[in-house]
mmCIF file of all heavy atoms, coordinates in Angstrom:
data_MODEL
# 
_entry.id   MODEL 
# 
loop_
_atom_site.group_PDB 
_atom_site.id 
_atom_site.type_symbol 
_atom_site.label_atom_id 
_atom_site.label_alt_id 
_atom_site.label_comp_id 
_atom_site.label_asym_id 
_atom_site.label_entity_id 
_atom_site.label_seq_id 
_atom_site.pdbx_PDB_ins_code 
_atom_site.Cartn_x 
_atom_site.Cartn_y 
_atom_site.Cartn_z 
_atom_site.occupancy 
_atom_site.B_iso_or_equiv 
_atom_site.pdbx_formal_charge 
_atom_site.auth_seq_id 
_atom_site.auth_comp_id 
_atom_site.auth_asym_id 
_atom_site.auth_atom_id 
_atom_site.pdbx_PDB_model_num 
ATOM 1   N N   . VAL A 1 1  ? 121.947 108.978 88.060 1.00 0.00 ? 1  VAL A N   1 
ATOM 2   C CA  . VAL A 1 1  ? 122.723 108.078 87.208 1.00 0.00 ? 1  VAL A CA  1 
ATOM 3   C C   . VAL A 1 1  ? 123.506 107.066 88.033 1.00 0.00 ? 1  VAL A C   1 
ATOM 4   O O   . VAL A 1 1  ? 123.508 105.859 87.739 1.00 0.00 ? 1  VAL A O   1 
ATOM 5   C CB  . VAL A 1 1  ? 123.670 108.874 86.290 1.00 0.00 ? 1  VAL A CB  1 
ATOM 6   C CG1 . VAL A 1 1  ? 124.672 107.942 85.608 1.00 0.00 ? 1  VAL A CG1 1 
ATOM 7   C CG2 . VAL A 1 1  ? 122.866 109.634 85.249 1.00 0.00 ? 1  VAL A CG2 1 
ATOM 8   N N   . ASP A 1 2  ? 124.167 107.496 89.073 1.00 0.00 ? 2  ASP A N   1 
ATOM 9   C CA  . ASP A 1 2  ? 124.971 106.563 89.873 1.00 0.00 ? 2  ASP A CA  1 
ATOM 10  C C   . ASP A 1 2  ? 124.108 105.475 90.494 1.00 0.00 ? 2  ASP A C   1 
ATOM 11  O O   . ASP A 1 2  ? 124.497 104.295 90.525 1.00 0.00 ? 2  ASP A O   1 
ATOM 12  C CB  . ASP A 1 2  ? 125.732 107.317 90.971 1.00 0.00 ? 2  ASP A CB  1 
ATOM 13  C CG  . ASP A 1 2  ? 126.874 108.169 90.418 1.00 0.00 ? 2  ASP A CG  1 
ATOM 14  O OD1 . ASP A 1 2  ? 127.255 107.950 89.246 1.00 0.00 ? 2  ASP A OD1 1 
ATOM 15  O OD2 . ASP A 1 2  ? 127.353 109.050 91.140 1.00 0.00 ? 2  ASP A OD2 1 
ATOM 16  N N   . ASP A 1 3  ? 122.933 105.857 90.987 1.00 0.00 ? 3  ASP A N   1 
ATOM 17  C CA  . ASP A 1 3  ? 122.028 104.857 91.561 1.00 0.00 ? 3  ASP A CA  1 
ATOM 18  C C   . ASP A 1 3  ? 121.569 103.867 90.495 1.00 0.00 ? 3  ASP A C   1 
ATOM 19  O O   . ASP A 1 3  ? 121.456 102.662 90.762 1.00 0.00 ? 3  ASP A O   1 
ATOM 20  C CB  . ASP A 1 3  ? 120.807 105.541 92.181 1.00 0.00 ? 3  ASP A CB  1 
ATOM 21  C CG  . ASP A 1 3  ? 121.116 106.166 93.526 1.00 0.00 ? 3  ASP A CG  1 
ATOM 22  O OD1 . ASP A 1 3  ? 122.172 105.827 94.106 1.00 0.00 ? 3  ASP A OD1 1 
ATOM 23  O OD2 . ASP A 1 3  ? 120.314 106.994 93.998 1.00 0.00 ? 3  ASP A OD2 1 
ATOM 24  N N   . LEU A 1 4  ? 121.281 104.366 89.306 1.00 0.00 ? 4  LEU A N   1 
ATOM 25  C CA  . LEU A 1 4  ? 120.884 103.476 88.214 1.00 0.00 ? 4  LEU A CA  1 
ATOM 26  C C   . LEU A 1 4  ? 121.988 102.475 87.912 1.00 0.00 ? 4  LEU A C   1 
ATOM 27  O O   . LEU A 1 4  ? 121.733 101.267 87.791 1.00 0.00 ? 4  LEU A O   1 
ATOM 28  C CB  . LEU A 1 4  ? 120.552 104.290 86.965 1.00 0.00 ? 4  LEU A CB  1 
ATOM 29  C CG  . LEU A 1 4  ? 120.343 103.481 85.678 1.00 0.00 ? 4  LEU A CG  1 
ATOM 30  C CD1 . LEU A 1 4  ? 119.114 102.594 85.792 1.00 0.00 ? 4  LEU A CD1 1 
ATOM 31  C CD2 . LEU A 1 4  ? 120.216 104.415 84.465 1.00 0.00 ? 4  LEU A CD2 1 
ATOM 32  N N   . LEU A 1 5  ? 123.223 102.946 87.798 1.00 0.00 ? 5  LEU A N   1 
ATOM 33  C CA  . LEU A 1 5  ? 124.334 102.067 87.458 1.00 0.00 ? 5  LEU A CA  1 
ATOM 34  C C   . LEU A 1 5  ? 124.633 101.049 88.546 1.00 0.00 ? 5  LEU A C   1 
ATOM 35  O O   . LEU A 1 5  ? 125.170 99.969  88.280 1.00 0.00 ? 5  LEU A O   1 
ATOM 36  C CB  . LEU A 1 5  ? 125.579 102.900 87.157 1.00 0.00 ? 5  LEU A CB  1 
ATOM 37  C CG  . LEU A 1 5  ? 125.495 103.796 85.917 1.00 0.00 ? 5  LEU A CG  1 
ATOM 38  C CD1 . LEU A 1 5  ? 126.752 104.639 85.780 1.00 0.00 ? 5  LEU A CD1 1 
ATOM 39  C CD2 . LEU A 1 5  ? 125.267 102.960 84.664 1.00 0.00 ? 5  LEU A CD2 1 
ATOM 40  N N   . ALA A 1 6  ? 124.271 101.378 89.774 1.00 0.00 ? 6  ALA A N   1 
ATOM 41  C CA  . ALA A 1 6  ? 124.520 100.466 90.897 1.00 0.00 ? 6  ALA A CA  1 
ATOM 42  C C   . ALA A 1 6  ? 123.385 99.466  91.089 1.00 0.00 ? 6  ALA A C   1 
ATOM 43  O O   . ALA A 1 6  ? 123.498 98.556  91.927 1.00 0.00 ? 6  ALA A O   1 
ATOM 44  C CB  . ALA A 1 6  ? 124.712 101.268 92.182 1.00 0.00 ? 6  ALA A CB  1 
ATOM 45  N N   . THR A 1 7  ? 122.318 99.589  90.325 1.00 0.00 ? 7  THR A N   1 
ATOM 46  C CA  . THR A 1 7  ? 121.148 98.725  90.483 1.00 0.00 ? 7  THR A CA  1 
ATOM 47  C C   . THR A 1 7  ? 121.326 97.423  89.718 1.00 0.00 ? 7  THR A C   1 
ATOM 48  O O   . THR A 1 7  ? 121.755 97.426  88.563 1.00 0.00 ? 7  THR A O   1 
ATOM 49  C CB  . THR A 1 7  ? 119.885 99.444  89.990 1.00 0.00 ? 7  THR A CB  1 
ATOM 50  O OG1 . THR A 1 7  ? 119.696 100.635 90.751 1.00 0.00 ? 7  THR A OG1 1 
ATOM 51  C CG2 . THR A 1 7  ? 118.653 98.563  90.127 1.00 0.00 ? 7  THR A CG2 1 
ATOM 52  N N   . GLU A 1 8  ? 120.977 96.327  90.373 1.00 0.00 ? 8  GLU A N   1 
ATOM 53  C CA  . GLU A 1 8  ? 121.004 95.018  89.726 1.00 0.00 ? 8  GLU A CA  1 
ATOM 54  C C   . GLU A 1 8  ? 119.621 94.704  89.173 1.00 0.00 ? 8  GLU A C   1 
ATOM 55  O O   . GLU A 1 8  ? 118.603 95.107  89.744 1.00 0.00 ? 8  GLU A O   1 
ATOM 56  C CB  . GLU A 1 8  ? 121.394 93.934  90.736 1.00 0.00 ? 8  GLU A CB  1 
ATOM 57  C CG  . GLU A 1 8  ? 122.798 94.078  91.295 1.00 0.00 ? 8  GLU A CG  1 
ATOM 58  C CD  . GLU A 1 8  ? 123.870 93.835  90.237 1.00 0.00 ? 8  GLU A CD  1 
ATOM 59  O OE1 . GLU A 1 8  ? 123.578 93.082  89.272 1.00 0.00 ? 8  GLU A OE1 1 
ATOM 60  O OE2 . GLU A 1 8  ? 124.970 94.393  90.359 1.00 0.00 ? 8  GLU A OE2 1 
ATOM 61  N N   . PRO A 1 9  ? 119.548 93.991  88.046 1.00 0.00 ? 9  PRO A N   1 
ATOM 62  C CA  . PRO A 1 9  ? 118.235 93.594  87.516 1.00 0.00 ? 9  PRO A CA  1 
ATOM 63  C C   . PRO A 1 9  ? 117.425 92.837  88.564 1.00 0.00 ? 9  PRO A C   1 
ATOM 64  O O   . PRO A 1 9  ? 117.990 92.162  89.425 1.00 0.00 ? 9  PRO A O   1 
ATOM 65  C CB  . PRO A 1 9  ? 118.597 92.701  86.327 1.00 0.00 ? 9  PRO A CB  1 
ATOM 66  C CG  . PRO A 1 9  ? 119.948 93.193  85.887 1.00 0.00 ? 9  PRO A CG  1 
ATOM 67  C CD  . PRO A 1 9  ? 120.660 93.578  87.160 1.00 0.00 ? 9  PRO A CD  1 
ATOM 68  N N   . SER A 1 10 ? 116.128 92.965  88.496 1.00 0.00 ? 10 SER A N   1 
ATOM 69  C CA  . SER A 1 10 ? 115.236 92.367  89.490 1.00 0.00 ? 10 SER A CA  1 
ATOM 70  C C   . SER A 1 10 ? 114.433 91.228  88.883 1.00 0.00 ? 10 SER A C   1 
ATOM 71  O O   . SER A 1 10 ? 114.055 91.267  87.714 1.00 0.00 ? 10 SER A O   1 
ATOM 72  C CB  . SER A 1 10 ? 114.269 93.433  90.028 1.00 0.00 ? 10 SER A CB  1 
ATOM 73  O OG  . SER A 1 10 ? 113.249 92.864  90.807 1.00 0.00 ? 10 SER A OG  1 
ATOM 74  N N   . ASP A 1 11 ? 114.179 90.213  89.693 1.00 0.00 ? 11 ASP A N   1 
ATOM 75  C CA  . ASP A 1 11 ? 113.263 89.155  89.281 1.00 0.00 ? 11 ASP A CA  1 
ATOM 76  C C   . ASP A 1 11 ? 112.031 89.136  90.180 1.00 0.00 ? 11 ASP A C   1 
ATOM 77  O O   . ASP A 1 11 ? 111.288 88.159  90.237 1.00 0.00 ? 11 ASP A O   1 
ATOM 78  C CB  . ASP A 1 11 ? 113.953 87.787  89.288 1.00 0.00 ? 11 ASP A CB  1 
ATOM 79  C CG  . ASP A 1 11 ? 114.487 87.402  90.665 1.00 0.00 ? 11 ASP A CG  1 
ATOM 80  O OD1 . ASP A 1 11 ? 114.326 88.188  91.621 1.00 0.00 ? 11 ASP A OD1 1 
ATOM 81  O OD2 . ASP A 1 11 ? 115.072 86.303  90.786 1.00 0.00 ? 11 ASP A OD2 1 
ATOM 82  N N   . ALA A 1 12 ? 111.807 90.244  90.883 1.00 0.00 ? 12 ALA A N   1 
ATOM 83  C CA  . ALA A 1 12 ? 110.685 90.331  91.818 1.00 0.00 ? 12 ALA A CA  1 
ATOM 84  C C   . ALA A 1 12 ? 109.358 90.149  91.098 1.00 0.00 ? 12 ALA A C   1 
ATOM 85  O O   . ALA A 1 12 ? 109.148 90.672  90.001 1.00 0.00 ? 12 ALA A O   1 
ATOM 86  C CB  . ALA A 1 12 ? 110.700 91.677  92.540 1.00 0.00 ? 12 ALA A CB  1 
ATOM 87  N N   . VAL A 1 13 ? 108.467 89.409  91.727 1.00 0.00 ? 13 VAL A N   1 
ATOM 88  C CA  . VAL A 1 13 ? 107.111 89.220  91.225 1.00 0.00 ? 13 VAL A CA  1 
ATOM 89  C C   . VAL A 1 13 ? 106.180 90.107  92.054 1.00 0.00 ? 13 VAL A C   1 
ATOM 90  O O   . VAL A 1 13 ? 106.237 90.102  93.284 1.00 0.00 ? 13 VAL A O   1 
ATOM 91  C CB  . VAL A 1 13 ? 106.668 87.750  91.323 1.00 0.00 ? 13 VAL A CB  1 
ATOM 92  C CG1 . VAL A 1 13 ? 105.170 87.611  91.048 1.00 0.00 ? 13 VAL A CG1 1 
ATOM 93  C CG2 . VAL A 1 13 ? 107.463 86.905  90.339 1.00 0.00 ? 13 VAL A CG2 1 
ATOM 94  N N   . ARG A 1 14 ? 105.345 90.877  91.392 1.00 0.00 ? 14 ARG A N   1 
ATOM 95  C CA  . ARG A 1 14 ? 104.397 91.747  92.077 1.00 0.00 ? 14 ARG A CA  1 
ATOM 96  C C   . ARG A 1 14 ? 103.020 91.606  91.415 1.00 0.00 ? 14 ARG A C   1 
ATOM 97  O O   . ARG A 1 14 ? 102.901 91.624  90.194 1.00 0.00 ? 14 ARG A O   1 
ATOM 98  C CB  . ARG A 1 14 ? 104.845 93.215  92.033 1.00 0.00 ? 14 ARG A CB  1 
ATOM 99  C CG  . ARG A 1 14 ? 106.095 93.484  92.824 1.00 0.00 ? 14 ARG A CG  1 
ATOM 100 C CD  . ARG A 1 14 ? 105.841 93.410  94.327 1.00 0.00 ? 14 ARG A CD  1 
ATOM 101 N NE  . ARG A 1 14 ? 107.064 93.610  95.091 1.00 0.00 ? 14 ARG A NE  1 
ATOM 102 C CZ  . ARG A 1 14 ? 107.786 92.623  95.629 1.00 0.00 ? 14 ARG A CZ  1 
ATOM 103 N NH1 . ARG A 1 14 ? 107.401 91.353  95.466 1.00 0.00 ? 14 ARG A NH1 1 
ATOM 104 N NH2 . ARG A 1 14 ? 108.870 92.889  96.315 1.00 0.00 ? 14 ARG A NH2 1 
ATOM 105 N N   . LEU A 1 15 ? 101.996 91.507  92.251 1.00 0.00 ? 15 LEU A N   1 
ATOM 106 C CA  . LEU A 1 15 ? 100.608 91.493  91.804 1.00 0.00 ? 15 LEU A CA  1 
ATOM 107 C C   . LEU A 1 15 ? 100.016 92.864  92.094 1.00 0.00 ? 15 LEU A C   1 
ATOM 108 O O   . LEU A 1 15 ? 99.915  93.274  93.254 1.00 0.00 ? 15 LEU A O   1 
ATOM 109 C CB  . LEU A 1 15 ? 99.815  90.407  92.532 1.00 0.00 ? 15 LEU A CB  1 
ATOM 110 C CG  . LEU A 1 15 ? 99.845  88.994  91.933 1.00 0.00 ? 15 LEU A CG  1 
ATOM 111 C CD1 . LEU A 1 15 ? 101.264 88.457  91.852 1.00 0.00 ? 15 LEU A CD1 1 
ATOM 112 C CD2 . LEU A 1 15 ? 98.956  88.035  92.734 1.00 0.00 ? 15 LEU A CD2 1 
ATOM 113 N N   . LEU A 1 16 ? 99.667  93.576  91.029 1.00 0.00 ? 16 LEU A N   1 
ATOM 114 C CA  . LEU A 1 16 ? 99.193  94.954  91.160 1.00 0.00 ? 16 LEU A CA  1 
ATOM 115 C C   . LEU A 1 16 ? 97.732  95.055  90.736 1.00 0.00 ? 16 LEU A C   1 
ATOM 116 O O   . LEU A 1 16 ? 97.229  94.207  90.002 1.00 0.00 ? 16 LEU A O   1 
ATOM 117 C CB  . LEU A 1 16 ? 100.043 95.884  90.297 1.00 0.00 ? 16 LEU A CB  1 
ATOM 118 C CG  . LEU A 1 16 ? 101.554 95.901  90.576 1.00 0.00 ? 16 LEU A CG  1 
ATOM 119 C CD1 . LEU A 1 16 ? 102.243 96.874  89.625 1.00 0.00 ? 16 LEU A CD1 1 
ATOM 120 C CD2 . LEU A 1 16 ? 101.838 96.267  92.020 1.00 0.00 ? 16 LEU A CD2 1 
ATOM 121 N N   . PRO A 1 17 ? 97.050  96.107  91.168 1.00 0.00 ? 17 PRO A N   1 
ATOM 122 C CA  . PRO A 1 17 ? 95.671  96.304  90.737 1.00 0.00 ? 17 PRO A CA  1 
ATOM 123 C C   . PRO A 1 17 ? 95.592  96.836  89.314 1.00 0.00 ? 17 PRO A C   1 
ATOM 124 O O   . PRO A 1 17 ? 96.564  97.377  88.778 1.00 0.00 ? 17 PRO A O   1 
ATOM 125 C CB  . PRO A 1 17 ? 95.152  97.345  91.733 1.00 0.00 ? 17 PRO A CB  1 
ATOM 126 C CG  . PRO A 1 17 ? 96.369  98.130  92.106 1.00 0.00 ? 17 PRO A CG  1 
ATOM 127 C CD  . PRO A 1 17 ? 97.496  97.129  92.135 1.00 0.00 ? 17 PRO A CD  1 
ATOM 128 N N   . GLY A 1 18 ? 94.424  96.705  88.715 1.00 0.00 ? 18 GLY A N   1 
ATOM 129 C CA  . GLY A 1 18 ? 94.211  97.248  87.384 1.00 0.00 ? 18 GLY A CA  1 
ATOM 130 C C   . GLY A 1 18 ? 94.440  98.750  87.351 1.00 0.00 ? 18 GLY A C   1 
ATOM 131 O O   . GLY A 1 18 ? 94.171  99.448  88.321 1.00 0.00 ? 18 GLY A O   1 
ATOM 132 N N   . HIS A 1 19 ? 94.976  99.232  86.234 1.00 0.00 ? 19 HIS A N   1 
ATOM 133 C CA  . HIS A 1 19 ? 95.294  100.655 86.031 1.00 0.00 ? 19 HIS A CA  1 
ATOM 134 C C   . HIS A 1 19 ? 96.244  101.180 87.104 1.00 0.00 ? 19 HIS A C   1 
ATOM 135 O O   . HIS A 1 19 ? 96.174  102.342 87.497 1.00 0.00 ? 19 HIS A O   1 
ATOM 136 C CB  . HIS A 1 19 ? 94.022  101.507 85.976 1.00 0.00 ? 19 HIS A CB  1 
ATOM 137 C CG  . HIS A 1 19 ? 93.299  101.394 84.672 1.00 0.00 ? 19 HIS A CG  1 
ATOM 138 N ND1 . HIS A 1 19 ? 92.210  102.179 84.342 1.00 0.00 ? 19 HIS A ND1 1 
ATOM 139 C CD2 . HIS A 1 19 ? 93.516  100.608 83.580 1.00 0.00 ? 19 HIS A CD2 1 
ATOM 140 C CE1 . HIS A 1 19 ? 91.789  101.865 83.120 1.00 0.00 ? 19 HIS A CE1 1 
ATOM 141 N NE2 . HIS A 1 19 ? 92.563  100.917 82.654 1.00 0.00 ? 19 HIS A NE2 1 
ATOM 142 N N   . ASP A 1 20 ? 97.148  100.328 87.564 1.00 0.00 ? 20 ASP A N   1 
ATOM 143 C CA  . ASP A 1 20 ? 98.157  100.771 88.518 1.00 0.00 ? 20 ASP A CA  1 
ATOM 144 C C   . ASP A 1 20 ? 99.081  101.788 87.854 1.00 0.00 ? 20 ASP A C   1 
ATOM 145 O O   . ASP A 1 20 ? 99.346  101.708 86.648 1.00 0.00 ? 20 ASP A O   1 
ATOM 146 C CB  . ASP A 1 20 ? 98.980  99.571  88.989 1.00 0.00 ? 20 ASP A CB  1 
ATOM 147 C CG  . ASP A 1 20 ? 99.937  99.930  90.109 1.00 0.00 ? 20 ASP A CG  1 
ATOM 148 O OD1 . ASP A 1 20 ? 99.527  99.893  91.277 1.00 0.00 ? 20 ASP A OD1 1 
ATOM 149 O OD2 . ASP A 1 20 ? 101.108 100.265 89.804 1.00 0.00 ? 20 ASP A OD2 1 
ATOM 150 N N   . PRO A 1 21 ? 99.608  102.741 88.633 1.00 0.00 ? 21 PRO A N   1 
ATOM 151 C CA  . PRO A 1 21 ? 100.531 103.724 88.061 1.00 0.00 ? 21 PRO A CA  1 
ATOM 152 C C   . PRO A 1 21 ? 101.731 103.102 87.355 1.00 0.00 ? 21 PRO A C   1 
ATOM 153 O O   . PRO A 1 21 ? 102.279 103.720 86.432 1.00 0.00 ? 21 PRO A O   1 
ATOM 154 C CB  . PRO A 1 21 ? 100.951 104.544 89.289 1.00 0.00 ? 21 PRO A CB  1 
ATOM 155 C CG  . PRO A 1 21 ? 99.768  104.491 90.192 1.00 0.00 ? 21 PRO A CG  1 
ATOM 156 C CD  . PRO A 1 21 ? 99.232  103.090 90.032 1.00 0.00 ? 21 PRO A CD  1 
ATOM 157 N N   . TRP A 1 22 ? 102.155 101.909 87.769 1.00 0.00 ? 22 TRP A N   1 
ATOM 158 C CA  . TRP A 1 22 ? 103.288 101.272 87.090 1.00 0.00 ? 22 TRP A CA  1 
ATOM 159 C C   . TRP A 1 22 ? 103.020 101.123 85.595 1.00 0.00 ? 22 TRP A C   1 
ATOM 160 O O   . TRP A 1 22 ? 103.912 101.322 84.767 1.00 0.00 ? 22 TRP A O   1 
ATOM 161 C CB  . TRP A 1 22 ? 103.575 99.899  87.707 1.00 0.00 ? 22 TRP A CB  1 
ATOM 162 C CG  . TRP A 1 22 ? 104.690 99.198  87.005 1.00 0.00 ? 22 TRP A CG  1 
ATOM 163 C CD1 . TRP A 1 22 ? 104.603 98.279  85.997 1.00 0.00 ? 22 TRP A CD1 1 
ATOM 164 C CD2 . TRP A 1 22 ? 106.097 99.399  87.217 1.00 0.00 ? 22 TRP A CD2 1 
ATOM 165 N NE1 . TRP A 1 22 ? 105.860 97.895  85.574 1.00 0.00 ? 22 TRP A NE1 1 
ATOM 166 C CE2 . TRP A 1 22 ? 106.784 98.571  86.309 1.00 0.00 ? 22 TRP A CE2 1 
ATOM 167 C CE3 . TRP A 1 22 ? 106.827 100.208 88.098 1.00 0.00 ? 22 TRP A CE3 1 
ATOM 168 C CZ2 . TRP A 1 22 ? 108.181 98.515  86.269 1.00 0.00 ? 22 TRP A CZ2 1 
ATOM 169 C CZ3 . TRP A 1 22 ? 108.210 100.159 88.045 1.00 0.00 ? 22 TRP A CZ3 1 
ATOM 170 C CH2 . TRP A 1 22 ? 108.871 99.314  87.133 1.00 0.00 ? 22 TRP A CH2 1 
ATOM 171 N N   . VAL A 1 23 ? 101.776 100.811 85.260 1.00 0.00 ? 23 VAL A N   1 
ATOM 172 C CA  . VAL A 1 23 ? 101.382 100.627 83.866 1.00 0.00 ? 23 VAL A CA  1 
ATOM 173 C C   . VAL A 1 23 ? 100.925 101.938 83.240 1.00 0.00 ? 23 VAL A C   1 
ATOM 174 O O   . VAL A 1 23 ? 101.292 102.268 82.107 1.00 0.00 ? 23 VAL A O   1 
ATOM 175 C CB  . VAL A 1 23 ? 100.252 99.575  83.770 1.00 0.00 ? 23 VAL A CB  1 
ATOM 176 C CG1 . VAL A 1 23 ? 99.666  99.537  82.361 1.00 0.00 ? 23 VAL A CG1 1 
ATOM 177 C CG2 . VAL A 1 23 ? 100.778 98.196  84.156 1.00 0.00 ? 23 VAL A CG2 1 
ATOM 178 N N   . MET A 1 24 ? 100.132 102.719 83.982 1.00 0.00 ? 24 MET A N   1 
ATOM 179 C CA  . MET A 1 24 ? 99.540  103.924 83.408 1.00 0.00 ? 24 MET A CA  1 
ATOM 180 C C   . MET A 1 24 ? 100.548 105.060 83.270 1.00 0.00 ? 24 MET A C   1 
ATOM 181 O O   . MET A 1 24 ? 100.382 105.931 82.411 1.00 0.00 ? 24 MET A O   1 
ATOM 182 C CB  . MET A 1 24 ? 98.355  104.379 84.261 1.00 0.00 ? 24 MET A CB  1 
ATOM 183 C CG  . MET A 1 24 ? 97.270  103.323 84.432 1.00 0.00 ? 24 MET A CG  1 
ATOM 184 S SD  . MET A 1 24 ? 96.723  102.576 82.874 1.00 0.00 ? 24 MET A SD  1 
ATOM 185 C CE  . MET A 1 24 ? 95.899  103.980 82.116 1.00 0.00 ? 24 MET A CE  1 
ATOM 186 N N   . GLY A 1 25 ? 101.586 105.091 84.108 1.00 0.00 ? 25 GLY A N   1 
ATOM 187 C CA  . GLY A 1 25 ? 102.593 106.148 84.031 1.00 0.00 ? 25 GLY A CA  1 
ATOM 188 C C   . GLY A 1 25 ? 103.314 106.186 82.698 1.00 0.00 ? 25 GLY A C   1 
ATOM 189 O O   . GLY A 1 25 ? 103.337 107.225 82.021 1.00 0.00 ? 25 GLY A O   1 
ATOM 190 N N   . PRO A 1 26 ? 103.912 105.068 82.256 1.00 0.00 ? 26 PRO A N   1 
ATOM 191 C CA  . PRO A 1 26 ? 104.534 105.054 80.933 1.00 0.00 ? 26 PRO A CA  1 
ATOM 192 C C   . PRO A 1 26 ? 103.516 104.849 79.818 1.00 0.00 ? 26 PRO A C   1 
ATOM 193 O O   . PRO A 1 26 ? 103.796 105.144 78.660 1.00 0.00 ? 26 PRO A O   1 
ATOM 194 C CB  . PRO A 1 26 ? 105.503 103.870 81.013 1.00 0.00 ? 26 PRO A CB  1 
ATOM 195 C CG  . PRO A 1 26 ? 104.910 102.966 82.040 1.00 0.00 ? 26 PRO A CG  1 
ATOM 196 C CD  . PRO A 1 26 ? 104.242 103.865 83.037 1.00 0.00 ? 26 PRO A CD  1 
ATOM 197 N N   . GLY A 1 27 ? 102.335 104.312 80.163 1.00 0.00 ? 27 GLY A N   1 
ATOM 198 C CA  . GLY A 1 27 ? 101.305 104.067 79.164 1.00 0.00 ? 27 GLY A CA  1 
ATOM 199 C C   . GLY A 1 27 ? 101.310 102.623 78.700 1.00 0.00 ? 27 GLY A C   1 
ATOM 200 O O   . GLY A 1 27 ? 102.359 101.981 78.620 1.00 0.00 ? 27 GLY A O   1 
ATOM 201 N N   . THR A 1 28 ? 100.152 102.123 78.403 1.00 0.00 ? 28 THR A N   1 
ATOM 202 C CA  . THR A 1 28 ? 100.060 100.716 77.989 1.00 0.00 ? 28 THR A CA  1 
ATOM 203 C C   . THR A 1 28 ? 100.719 100.459 76.637 1.00 0.00 ? 28 THR A C   1 
ATOM 204 O O   . THR A 1 28 ? 100.936 99.311  76.258 1.00 0.00 ? 28 THR A O   1 
ATOM 205 C CB  . THR A 1 28 ? 98.592  100.268 77.927 1.00 0.00 ? 28 THR A CB  1 
ATOM 206 O OG1 . THR A 1 28 ? 97.868  101.121 77.026 1.00 0.00 ? 28 THR A OG1 1 
ATOM 207 C CG2 . THR A 1 28 ? 97.937  100.361 79.309 1.00 0.00 ? 28 THR A CG2 1 
ATOM 208 N N   . GLN A 1 29 ? 101.048 101.515 75.906 1.00 0.00 ? 29 GLN A N   1 
ATOM 209 C CA  . GLN A 1 29 ? 101.714 101.336 74.621 1.00 0.00 ? 29 GLN A CA  1 
ATOM 210 C C   . GLN A 1 29 ? 103.209 101.078 74.765 1.00 0.00 ? 29 GLN A C   1 
ATOM 211 O O   . GLN A 1 29 ? 103.890 100.769 73.781 1.00 0.00 ? 29 GLN A O   1 
ATOM 212 C CB  . GLN A 1 29 ? 101.478 102.556 73.716 1.00 0.00 ? 29 GLN A CB  1 
ATOM 213 C CG  . GLN A 1 29 ? 102.291 103.779 74.082 1.00 0.00 ? 29 GLN A CG  1 
ATOM 214 C CD  . GLN A 1 29 ? 101.667 104.596 75.192 1.00 0.00 ? 29 GLN A CD  1 
ATOM 215 O OE1 . GLN A 1 29 ? 100.695 104.174 75.819 1.00 0.00 ? 29 GLN A OE1 1 
ATOM 216 N NE2 . GLN A 1 29 ? 102.207 105.775 75.440 1.00 0.00 ? 29 GLN A NE2 1 
# 
């Protein structure tokens, strides 16, 4: 929780491969 509260929003741009865990972990829905 403390780390979350200390985090600033990000504007980072990332190009990822298809079916990357970033998308598949939470699900495309």
